């Protein structure tokens, strides 16, 4: 009987033919199933995909930033059809001031996903009743996933162990490891790496630049033991034939005799039996 092994990569079904009549959407060419939808039509298109085309699950809402475009942000809705085993993406464009209609009325989980896009990109969603930051600190300024977000200059929040309170201070992102060399690993660097300044001198040929100790170093130091610790006969192990005979006798005892020798916990006389 032939055995068919399961495939490691899941196989997805072909694109349903019903998507050819999807209203309010324009197909993107050259990539997997994806459509461009206007902001005003996104709720109607997603509702049609859920109810009429059986794309039951909203898996993710992602954001993309294209600073050179008039509408720099793209909001991408990732849908999954469990009955058809197929995925598709819906792309909506917007700018910094134009809100995108919320789809929390279709999928309640969209509330959390829209908050992430708002926090990272600053895209607002009309109709989301709890549009707050979700990934950054309280009082955080700016949106970290924007391409023009600076690496320094904003305020960060942290708990100060010295002052025993939460403090706000300018963000500082020091990068101590910006100088790289391309020497072979066994040649070693020409400078002392951070943390190696306290290292003890090593043998010659080691990657550390510390000088090797002067003088001839002993290679094989003899142990203080005068005689080797070997076992030539069973008697030298502390057991031998008598111990083997005793172990054999104990193993051949009846089960009842073995049980009598076991130490069991006696019941507490003060403890009253349960009714």
C-alpha atoms as a PDB file:
ATOM      1  CA  UNK A   1       0.000   0.000   0.000  1.00  0.00           C
ATOM      2  CA  UNK A   2       1.496   3.339  -1.026  1.00  0.00           C
ATOM      3  CA  UNK A   3       1.958   5.951   1.688  1.00  0.00           C
ATOM      4  CA  UNK A   4       1.436   9.573   0.789  1.00  0.00           C
ATOM      5  CA  UNK A   5       3.451  11.975   2.913  1.00  0.00           C
ATOM      6  CA  UNK A   6       2.035  15.313   3.993  1.00  0.00           C
ATOM      7  CA  UNK A   7       3.501  18.359   2.293  1.00  0.00           C
ATOM      8  CA  UNK A   8       5.500  20.781   4.433  1.00  0.00           C
ATOM      9  CA  UNK A   9       4.263  23.846   2.537  1.00  0.00           C
ATOM     10  CA  UNK A  10       0.487  24.325   2.699  1.00  0.00           C
ATOM     11  CA  UNK A  11      -1.278  24.329  -0.652  1.00  0.00           C
ATOM     12  CA  UNK A  12      -3.767  27.118  -1.194  1.00  0.00           C
ATOM     13  CA  UNK A  13      -6.689  26.876  -3.522  1.00  0.00           C
ATOM     14  CA  UNK A  14      -6.903  28.841  -6.734  1.00  0.00           C
ATOM     15  CA  UNK A  15      -8.497  32.274  -6.748  1.00  0.00           C
ATOM     16  CA  UNK A  16     -12.301  32.012  -6.681  1.00  0.00           C
ATOM     17  CA  UNK A  17     -13.937  33.054  -9.935  1.00  0.00           C
ATOM     18  CA  UNK A  18     -16.518  35.099  -8.011  1.00  0.00           C
ATOM     19  CA  UNK A  19     -13.899  37.780  -7.288  1.00  0.00           C
ATOM     20  CA  UNK A  20     -14.040  38.881 -10.909  1.00  0.00           C
ATOM     21  CA  UNK A  21     -17.329  40.617 -10.150  1.00  0.00           C
ATOM     22  CA  UNK A  22     -16.188  42.395  -6.977  1.00  0.00           C
ATOM     23  CA  UNK A  23     -17.674  45.883  -7.071  1.00  0.00           C
ATOM     24  CA  UNK A  24     -15.829  48.991  -5.913  1.00  0.00           C
ATOM     25  CA  UNK A  25     -12.364  47.381  -6.187  1.00  0.00           C
ATOM     26  CA  UNK A  26      -9.588  47.563  -8.774  1.00  0.00           C
ATOM     27  CA  UNK A  27      -7.287  44.582  -9.154  1.00  0.00           C
ATOM     28  CA  UNK A  28      -3.546  44.960  -8.652  1.00  0.00           C
ATOM     29  CA  UNK A  29      -1.556  43.275 -11.370  1.00  0.00           C
ATOM     30  CA  UNK A  30       1.669  41.353 -10.910  1.00  0.00           C
ATOM     31  CA  UNK A  31       1.158  40.203  -7.294  1.00  0.00           C
ATOM     32  CA  UNK A  32      -1.049  37.782  -5.424  1.00  0.00           C
ATOM     33  CA  UNK A  33      -4.760  38.478  -5.139  1.00  0.00           C
ATOM     34  CA  UNK A  34      -4.970  42.151  -4.143  1.00  0.00           C
ATOM     35  CA  UNK A  35      -7.354  45.020  -4.847  1.00  0.00           C
ATOM     36  CA  UNK A  36      -7.185  48.803  -4.531  1.00  0.00           C
ATOM     37  CA  UNK A  37     -10.235  50.303  -2.864  1.00  0.00           C
ATOM     38  CA  UNK A  38     -11.188  53.909  -2.156  1.00  0.00           C
ATOM     39  CA  UNK A  39     -11.558  55.102   1.411  1.00  0.00           C
ATOM     40  CA  UNK A  40     -15.293  55.676   1.081  1.00  0.00           C
ATOM     41  CA  UNK A  41     -15.900  52.181  -0.328  1.00  0.00           C
ATOM     42  CA  UNK A  42     -13.726  50.105   1.998  1.00  0.00           C
ATOM     43  CA  UNK A  43     -16.494  49.157   4.439  1.00  0.00           C
ATOM     44  CA  UNK A  44     -18.889  48.110   1.682  1.00  0.00           C
ATOM     45  CA  UNK A  45     -16.224  46.082  -0.140  1.00  0.00           C
ATOM     46  CA  UNK A  46     -15.070  44.291   3.009  1.00  0.00           C
ATOM     47  CA  UNK A  47     -18.673  43.566   3.989  1.00  0.00           C
ATOM     48  CA  UNK A  48     -19.289  42.040   0.551  1.00  0.00           C
ATOM     49  CA  UNK A  49     -16.153  39.921   0.850  1.00  0.00           C
ATOM     50  CA  UNK A  50     -17.236  38.649   4.250  1.00  0.00           C
ATOM     51  CA  UNK A  51     -20.886  37.937   3.465  1.00  0.00           C
ATOM     52  CA  UNK A  52     -20.987  37.179  -0.271  1.00  0.00           C
ATOM     53  CA  UNK A  53     -17.515  35.754  -0.970  1.00  0.00           C
ATOM     54  CA  UNK A  54     -16.959  33.883   2.329  1.00  0.00           C
ATOM     55  CA  UNK A  55     -13.811  35.657   3.506  1.00  0.00           C
ATOM     56  CA  UNK A  56     -14.708  35.196   7.137  1.00  0.00           C
ATOM     57  CA  UNK A  57     -11.555  36.239   8.999  1.00  0.00           C
ATOM     58  CA  UNK A  58      -9.678  39.525   9.201  1.00  0.00           C
ATOM     59  CA  UNK A  59      -6.161  38.309   9.894  1.00  0.00           C
ATOM     60  CA  UNK A  60      -4.228  41.590   9.985  1.00  0.00           C
ATOM     61  CA  UNK A  61      -4.296  45.322   9.233  1.00  0.00           C
ATOM     62  CA  UNK A  62      -0.872  46.546   8.144  1.00  0.00           C
ATOM     63  CA  UNK A  63       0.496  49.971   7.282  1.00  0.00           C
ATOM     64  CA  UNK A  64       3.006  51.120   4.667  1.00  0.00           C
ATOM     65  CA  UNK A  65       4.590  54.563   4.298  1.00  0.00           C
ATOM     66  CA  UNK A  66       5.520  56.074   0.916  1.00  0.00           C
ATOM     67  CA  UNK A  67       6.611  59.674   1.741  1.00  0.00           C
ATOM     68  CA  UNK A  68       6.912  60.705  -1.943  1.00  0.00           C
ATOM     69  CA  UNK A  69       3.240  60.030  -2.713  1.00  0.00           C
ATOM     70  CA  UNK A  70       0.484  62.628  -2.209  1.00  0.00           C
ATOM     71  CA  UNK A  71      -1.358  60.042  -0.104  1.00  0.00           C
ATOM     72  CA  UNK A  72       1.681  58.576   1.575  1.00  0.00           C
ATOM     73  CA  UNK A  73       0.053  55.827   3.654  1.00  0.00           C
ATOM     74  CA  UNK A  74      -1.405  52.500   2.577  1.00  0.00           C
ATOM     75  CA  UNK A  75      -3.639  50.518   4.896  1.00  0.00           C
ATOM     76  CA  UNK A  76      -3.658  46.826   3.946  1.00  0.00           C
ATOM     77  CA  UNK A  77      -6.437  44.485   5.091  1.00  0.00           C
ATOM     78  CA  UNK A  78      -5.468  40.785   5.027  1.00  0.00           C
ATOM     79  CA  UNK A  79      -8.468  38.456   4.712  1.00  0.00           C
ATOM     80  CA  UNK A  80      -8.741  34.666   4.890  1.00  0.00           C
ATOM     81  CA  UNK A  81     -11.482  32.392   3.583  1.00  0.00           C
ATOM     82  CA  UNK A  82     -11.659  29.197   5.615  1.00  0.00           C
ATOM     83  CA  UNK A  83     -14.148  27.527   3.299  1.00  0.00           C
ATOM     84  CA  UNK A  84     -12.188  28.313   0.113  1.00  0.00           C
ATOM     85  CA  UNK A  85      -8.702  28.130   1.644  1.00  0.00           C
ATOM     86  CA  UNK A  86      -7.705  31.417   0.031  1.00  0.00           C
ATOM     87  CA  UNK A  87      -6.262  34.769   1.081  1.00  0.00           C
ATOM     88  CA  UNK A  88      -6.485  38.265  -0.399  1.00  0.00           C
ATOM     89  CA  UNK A  89      -5.375  41.807   0.397  1.00  0.00           C
ATOM     90  CA  UNK A  90      -7.310  45.060   0.198  1.00  0.00           C
ATOM     91  CA  UNK A  91      -5.231  48.268  -0.170  1.00  0.00           C
ATOM     92  CA  UNK A  92      -6.533  51.694   0.886  1.00  0.00           C
ATOM     93  CA  UNK A  93      -4.517  54.923   0.552  1.00  0.00           C
ATOM     94  CA  UNK A  94      -4.738  57.996   2.768  1.00  0.00           C
ATOM     95  CA  UNK A  95      -2.732  60.951   4.071  1.00  0.00           C
ATOM     96  CA  UNK A  96      -1.972  62.407   7.497  1.00  0.00           C
ATOM     97  CA  UNK A  97      -5.334  64.170   7.926  1.00  0.00           C
ATOM     98  CA  UNK A  98      -7.902  62.058   6.044  1.00  0.00           C
ATOM     99  CA  UNK A  99      -9.411  59.318   8.238  1.00  0.00           C
ATOM    100  CA  UNK A 100     -10.163  55.812   7.021  1.00  0.00           C
ATOM    101  CA  UNK A 101     -13.581  54.378   7.958  1.00  0.00           C
ATOM    102  CA  UNK A 102     -13.315  51.867  10.782  1.00  0.00           C
ATOM    103  CA  UNK A 103     -14.319  48.248  10.190  1.00  0.00           C
ATOM    104  CA  UNK A 104     -14.917  47.426  13.846  1.00  0.00           C
ATOM    105  CA  UNK A 105     -18.586  46.923  12.952  1.00  0.00           C
ATOM    106  CA  UNK A 106     -17.580  44.007  10.715  1.00  0.00           C
ATOM    107  CA  UNK A 107     -14.794  42.497  12.844  1.00  0.00           C
ATOM    108  CA  UNK A 108     -14.458  43.613  16.478  1.00  0.00           C
ATOM    109  CA  UNK A 109     -10.788  42.559  16.443  1.00  0.00           C
ATOM    110  CA  UNK A 110     -10.151  45.444  14.042  1.00  0.00           C
ATOM    111  CA  UNK A 111     -10.213  47.795  17.032  1.00  0.00           C
ATOM    112  CA  UNK A 112      -6.822  46.554  18.227  1.00  0.00           C
ATOM    113  CA  UNK A 113      -5.366  46.353  14.720  1.00  0.00           C
ATOM    114  CA  UNK A 114      -6.443  49.895  13.843  1.00  0.00           C
ATOM    115  CA  UNK A 115      -4.872  51.151  17.057  1.00  0.00           C
ATOM    116  CA  UNK A 116      -1.543  49.639  16.016  1.00  0.00           C
ATOM    117  CA  UNK A 117      -1.649  51.378  12.619  1.00  0.00           C
ATOM    118  CA  UNK A 118      -2.608  54.647  14.313  1.00  0.00           C
ATOM    119  CA  UNK A 119       0.217  54.321  16.825  1.00  0.00           C
ATOM    120  CA  UNK A 120       2.920  53.422  14.302  1.00  0.00           C
ATOM    121  CA  UNK A 121       1.871  55.614  11.338  1.00  0.00           C
ATOM    122  CA  UNK A 122      -0.579  58.225  12.629  1.00  0.00           C
ATOM    123  CA  UNK A 123      -3.431  57.045  10.375  1.00  0.00           C
ATOM    124  CA  UNK A 124      -6.796  57.859  11.962  1.00  0.00           C
ATOM    125  CA  UNK A 125      -9.904  55.666  11.696  1.00  0.00           C
ATOM    126  CA  UNK A 126     -13.334  57.289  11.773  1.00  0.00           C
ATOM    127  CA  UNK A 127     -15.708  55.309  13.960  1.00  0.00           C
ATOM    128  CA  UNK A 128     -13.150  53.644  16.224  1.00  0.00           C
ATOM    129  CA  UNK A 129     -14.343  54.456  19.747  1.00  0.00           C
ATOM    130  CA  UNK A 130     -11.007  53.654  21.435  1.00  0.00           C
ATOM    131  CA  UNK A 131      -8.335  55.066  19.129  1.00  0.00           C
ATOM    132  CA  UNK A 132      -5.406  55.273  21.549  1.00  0.00           C
ATOM    133  CA  UNK A 133      -1.756  54.325  21.387  1.00  0.00           C
ATOM    134  CA  UNK A 134      -1.145  50.662  22.057  1.00  0.00           C
ATOM    135  CA  UNK A 135       2.578  49.961  21.531  1.00  0.00           C
ATOM    136  CA  UNK A 136       4.410  53.122  22.605  1.00  0.00           C
ATOM    137  CA  UNK A 137       4.658  54.833  25.995  1.00  0.00           C
ATOM    138  CA  UNK A 138       2.275  57.395  27.385  1.00  0.00           C
ATOM    139  CA  UNK A 139       3.167  60.851  26.106  1.00  0.00           C
ATOM    140  CA  UNK A 140       5.198  59.472  23.201  1.00  0.00           C
ATOM    141  CA  UNK A 141       5.659  61.980  20.367  1.00  0.00           C
ATOM    142  CA  UNK A 142       5.664  61.008  16.716  1.00  0.00           C
ATOM    143  CA  UNK A 143       4.996  57.737  14.921  1.00  0.00           C
ATOM    144  CA  UNK A 144       7.965  55.318  14.799  1.00  0.00           C
ATOM    145  CA  UNK A 145       7.153  53.495  11.520  1.00  0.00           C
ATOM    146  CA  UNK A 146       7.119  56.642   9.410  1.00  0.00           C
ATOM    147  CA  UNK A 147      10.108  56.886   7.094  1.00  0.00           C
ATOM    148  CA  UNK A 148      10.909  60.410   8.291  1.00  0.00           C
ATOM    149  CA  UNK A 149      10.790  59.561  11.999  1.00  0.00           C
ATOM    150  CA  UNK A 150      14.105  60.698  13.561  1.00  0.00           C
ATOM    151  CA  UNK A 151      16.172  58.349  15.657  1.00  0.00           C
ATOM    152  CA  UNK A 152      16.874  60.990  18.321  1.00  0.00           C
ATOM    153  CA  UNK A 153      15.260  64.137  19.604  1.00  0.00           C
ATOM    154  CA  UNK A 154      11.995  62.903  21.114  1.00  0.00           C
ATOM    155  CA  UNK A 155      11.021  62.297  24.723  1.00  0.00           C
ATOM    156  CA  UNK A 156      11.059  58.837  26.265  1.00  0.00           C
ATOM    157  CA  UNK A 157       9.484  57.550  29.445  1.00  0.00           C
ATOM    158  CA  UNK A 158      11.251  55.245  31.871  1.00  0.00           C
ATOM    159  CA  UNK A 159      11.313  54.329  35.545  1.00  0.00           C
ATOM    160  CA  UNK A 160      14.271  55.843  37.382  1.00  0.00           C
ATOM    161  CA  UNK A 161      15.609  53.563  40.088  1.00  0.00           C
ATOM    162  CA  UNK A 162      17.564  56.474  41.537  1.00  0.00           C
ATOM    163  CA  UNK A 163      14.568  58.810  41.846  1.00  0.00           C
ATOM    164  CA  UNK A 164      12.035  56.011  42.474  1.00  0.00           C
ATOM    165  CA  UNK A 165       9.567  57.485  39.994  1.00  0.00           C
ATOM    166  CA  UNK A 166       8.707  57.683  36.301  1.00  0.00           C
ATOM    167  CA  UNK A 167      10.773  60.309  34.488  1.00  0.00           C
ATOM    168  CA  UNK A 168      10.619  61.894  31.032  1.00  0.00           C
ATOM    169  CA  UNK A 169      13.876  62.649  29.257  1.00  0.00           C
ATOM    170  CA  UNK A 170      15.207  63.150  25.716  1.00  0.00           C
ATOM    171  CA  UNK A 171      15.711  59.963  23.726  1.00  0.00           C
ATOM    172  CA  UNK A 172      19.354  59.034  23.352  1.00  0.00           C
ATOM    173  CA  UNK A 173      20.326  56.092  21.171  1.00  0.00           C
ATOM    174  CA  UNK A 174      24.090  55.635  21.489  1.00  0.00           C
ATOM    175  CA  UNK A 175      25.609  53.151  19.084  1.00  0.00           C
ATOM    176  CA  UNK A 176      28.923  51.975  20.472  1.00  0.00           C
ATOM    177  CA  UNK A 177      29.582  49.325  17.858  1.00  0.00           C
ATOM    178  CA  UNK A 178      29.596  51.352  14.656  1.00  0.00           C
ATOM    179  CA  UNK A 179      33.319  50.773  13.936  1.00  0.00           C
ATOM    180  CA  UNK A 180      33.782  47.385  12.319  1.00  0.00           C
ATOM    181  CA  UNK A 181      36.879  45.719  10.956  1.00  0.00           C
ATOM    182  CA  UNK A 182      36.995  42.844   8.515  1.00  0.00           C
ATOM    183  CA  UNK A 183      39.972  40.927   9.901  1.00  0.00           C
ATOM    184  CA  UNK A 184      39.861  37.183  10.128  1.00  0.00           C
ATOM    185  CA  UNK A 185      38.412  36.037  13.462  1.00  0.00           C
ATOM    186  CA  UNK A 186      41.606  34.248  14.480  1.00  0.00           C
ATOM    187  CA  UNK A 187      43.785  37.315  13.808  1.00  0.00           C
ATOM    188  CA  UNK A 188      42.024  39.495  16.335  1.00  0.00           C
ATOM    189  CA  UNK A 189      41.273  43.204  16.362  1.00  0.00           C
ATOM    190  CA  UNK A 190      43.913  45.912  16.713  1.00  0.00           C
ATOM    191  CA  UNK A 191      42.073  47.502  19.625  1.00  0.00           C
ATOM    192  CA  UNK A 192      40.690  46.327  22.953  1.00  0.00           C
ATOM    193  CA  UNK A 193      37.076  45.307  22.658  1.00  0.00           C
ATOM    194  CA  UNK A 194      34.595  46.572  25.284  1.00  0.00           C
ATOM    195  CA  UNK A 195      34.790  44.259  28.265  1.00  0.00           C
ATOM    196  CA  UNK A 196      38.287  42.939  27.445  1.00  0.00           C
ATOM    197  CA  UNK A 197      40.129  45.682  29.289  1.00  0.00           C
ATOM    198  CA  UNK A 198      39.947  43.636  32.502  1.00  0.00           C
ATOM    199  CA  UNK A 199      41.004  40.379  30.897  1.00  0.00           C
ATOM    200  CA  UNK A 200      44.165  38.711  32.165  1.00  0.00           C
ATOM    201  CA  UNK A 201      47.113  38.201  29.781  1.00  0.00           C
ATOM    202  CA  UNK A 202      46.777  35.142  27.596  1.00  0.00           C
ATOM    203  CA  UNK A 203      49.153  32.747  25.910  1.00  0.00           C
ATOM    204  CA  UNK A 204      50.985  33.683  22.753  1.00  0.00           C
ATOM    205  CA  UNK A 205      48.857  33.384  19.643  1.00  0.00           C
ATOM    206  CA  UNK A 206      45.603  34.263  21.402  1.00  0.00           C
ATOM    207  CA  UNK A 207      43.387  36.944  19.821  1.00  0.00           C
ATOM    208  CA  UNK A 208      43.945  39.324  22.731  1.00  0.00           C
ATOM    209  CA  UNK A 209      46.662  41.938  22.099  1.00  0.00           C
ATOM    210  CA  UNK A 210      47.938  41.518  25.677  1.00  0.00           C
ATOM    211  CA  UNK A 211      51.592  40.392  25.813  1.00  0.00           C
ATOM    212  CA  UNK A 212      52.284  36.793  26.708  1.00  0.00           C
ATOM    213  CA  UNK A 213      54.007  36.092  30.044  1.00  0.00           C
ATOM    214  CA  UNK A 214      57.772  35.846  29.885  1.00  0.00           C
ATOM    215  CA  UNK A 215      59.662  32.652  30.610  1.00  0.00           C
ATOM    216  CA  UNK A 216      58.999  29.038  29.824  1.00  0.00           C
ATOM    217  CA  UNK A 217      55.654  27.787  31.021  1.00  0.00           C
ATOM    218  CA  UNK A 218      55.159  24.162  32.158  1.00  0.00           C
ATOM    219  CA  UNK A 219      52.964  22.220  29.806  1.00  0.00           C
ATOM    220  CA  UNK A 220      52.103  18.981  31.653  1.00  0.00           C
ATOM    221  CA  UNK A 221      52.172  19.330  35.436  1.00  0.00           C
ATOM    222  CA  UNK A 222      52.403  16.032  37.323  1.00  0.00           C
ATOM    223  CA  UNK A 223      49.685  15.236  39.802  1.00  0.00           C
ATOM    224  CA  UNK A 224      50.655  14.777  43.476  1.00  0.00           C
ATOM    225  CA  UNK A 225      49.346  11.189  43.459  1.00  0.00           C
ATOM    226  CA  UNK A 226      52.227   8.689  43.524  1.00  0.00           C
ATOM    227  CA  UNK A 227      50.207   5.645  42.510  1.00  0.00           C
ATOM    228  CA  UNK A 228      47.511   5.530  39.829  1.00  0.00           C
ATOM    229  CA  UNK A 229      43.961   5.137  41.055  1.00  0.00           C
ATOM    230  CA  UNK A 230      42.973   1.970  39.268  1.00  0.00           C
ATOM    231  CA  UNK A 231      40.734  -0.979  40.108  1.00  0.00           C
ATOM    232  CA  UNK A 232      42.287  -4.342  39.397  1.00  0.00           C
ATOM    233  CA  UNK A 233      39.962  -6.706  41.347  1.00  0.00           C
ATOM    234  CA  UNK A 234      36.307  -6.580  42.508  1.00  0.00           C
ATOM    235  CA  UNK A 235      37.499  -6.483  46.130  1.00  0.00           C
ATOM    236  CA  UNK A 236      39.018  -3.021  45.497  1.00  0.00           C
ATOM    237  CA  UNK A 237      35.602  -1.566  44.685  1.00  0.00           C
ATOM    238  CA  UNK A 238      34.339  -2.084  48.227  1.00  0.00           C
ATOM    239  CA  UNK A 239      31.771  -4.624  47.100  1.00  0.00           C
ATOM    240  CA  UNK A 240      33.002  -7.848  45.534  1.00  0.00           C
ATOM    241  CA  UNK A 241      31.426 -11.305  45.635  1.00  0.00           C
ATOM    242  CA  UNK A 242      29.819 -11.018  49.125  1.00  0.00           C
ATOM    243  CA  UNK A 243      27.928  -7.915  48.109  1.00  0.00           C
ATOM    244  CA  UNK A 244      26.764  -9.587  44.908  1.00  0.00           C
ATOM    245  CA  UNK A 245      25.409 -12.584  46.870  1.00  0.00           C
ATOM    246  CA  UNK A 246      23.566 -10.302  49.302  1.00  0.00           C
ATOM    247  CA  UNK A 247      22.012  -8.342  46.443  1.00  0.00           C
ATOM    248  CA  UNK A 248      20.894 -11.591  44.803  1.00  0.00           C
ATOM    249  CA  UNK A 249      19.232 -12.784  48.011  1.00  0.00           C
ATOM    250  CA  UNK A 250      17.399  -9.459  48.412  1.00  0.00           C
ATOM    251  CA  UNK A 251      16.153  -9.582  44.839  1.00  0.00           C
ATOM    252  CA  UNK A 252      14.780 -13.127  45.250  1.00  0.00           C
ATOM    253  CA  UNK A 253      12.724 -12.326  48.339  1.00  0.00           C
ATOM    254  CA  UNK A 254       8.947 -12.586  47.972  1.00  0.00           C
ATOM    255  CA  UNK A 255       7.017  -9.456  47.279  1.00  0.00           C
ATOM    256  CA  UNK A 256       5.375  -9.560  50.711  1.00  0.00           C
ATOM    257  CA  UNK A 257       8.727  -9.669  52.474  1.00  0.00           C
ATOM    258  CA  UNK A 258       9.950  -6.718  50.427  1.00  0.00           C
ATOM    259  CA  UNK A 259       6.833  -4.752  51.309  1.00  0.00           C
ATOM    260  CA  UNK A 260       7.355  -5.350  55.038  1.00  0.00           C
ATOM    261  CA  UNK A 261      10.831  -3.827  54.816  1.00  0.00           C
ATOM    262  CA  UNK A 262       9.608  -0.648  53.167  1.00  0.00           C
ATOM    263  CA  UNK A 263       9.268   2.444  55.335  1.00  0.00           C
ATOM    264  CA  UNK A 264       5.745   3.812  55.083  1.00  0.00           C
ATOM    265  CA  UNK A 265       4.264   6.951  56.554  1.00  0.00           C
ATOM    266  CA  UNK A 266       2.088   6.142  59.524  1.00  0.00           C
ATOM    267  CA  UNK A 267      -1.333   7.824  59.578  1.00  0.00           C
ATOM    268  CA  UNK A 268      -1.751  10.771  61.903  1.00  0.00           C
ATOM    269  CA  UNK A 269      -3.667   9.625  64.956  1.00  0.00           C
ATOM    270  CA  UNK A 270      -4.875  13.185  65.647  1.00  0.00           C
ATOM    271  CA  UNK A 271      -6.416  13.540  62.206  1.00  0.00           C
ATOM    272  CA  UNK A 272     -10.089  12.714  62.259  1.00  0.00           C
ATOM    273  CA  UNK A 273     -11.425  10.519  59.467  1.00  0.00           C
ATOM    274  CA  UNK A 274     -13.704  12.203  56.962  1.00  0.00           C
ATOM    275  CA  UNK A 275     -17.403  11.591  57.388  1.00  0.00           C
END
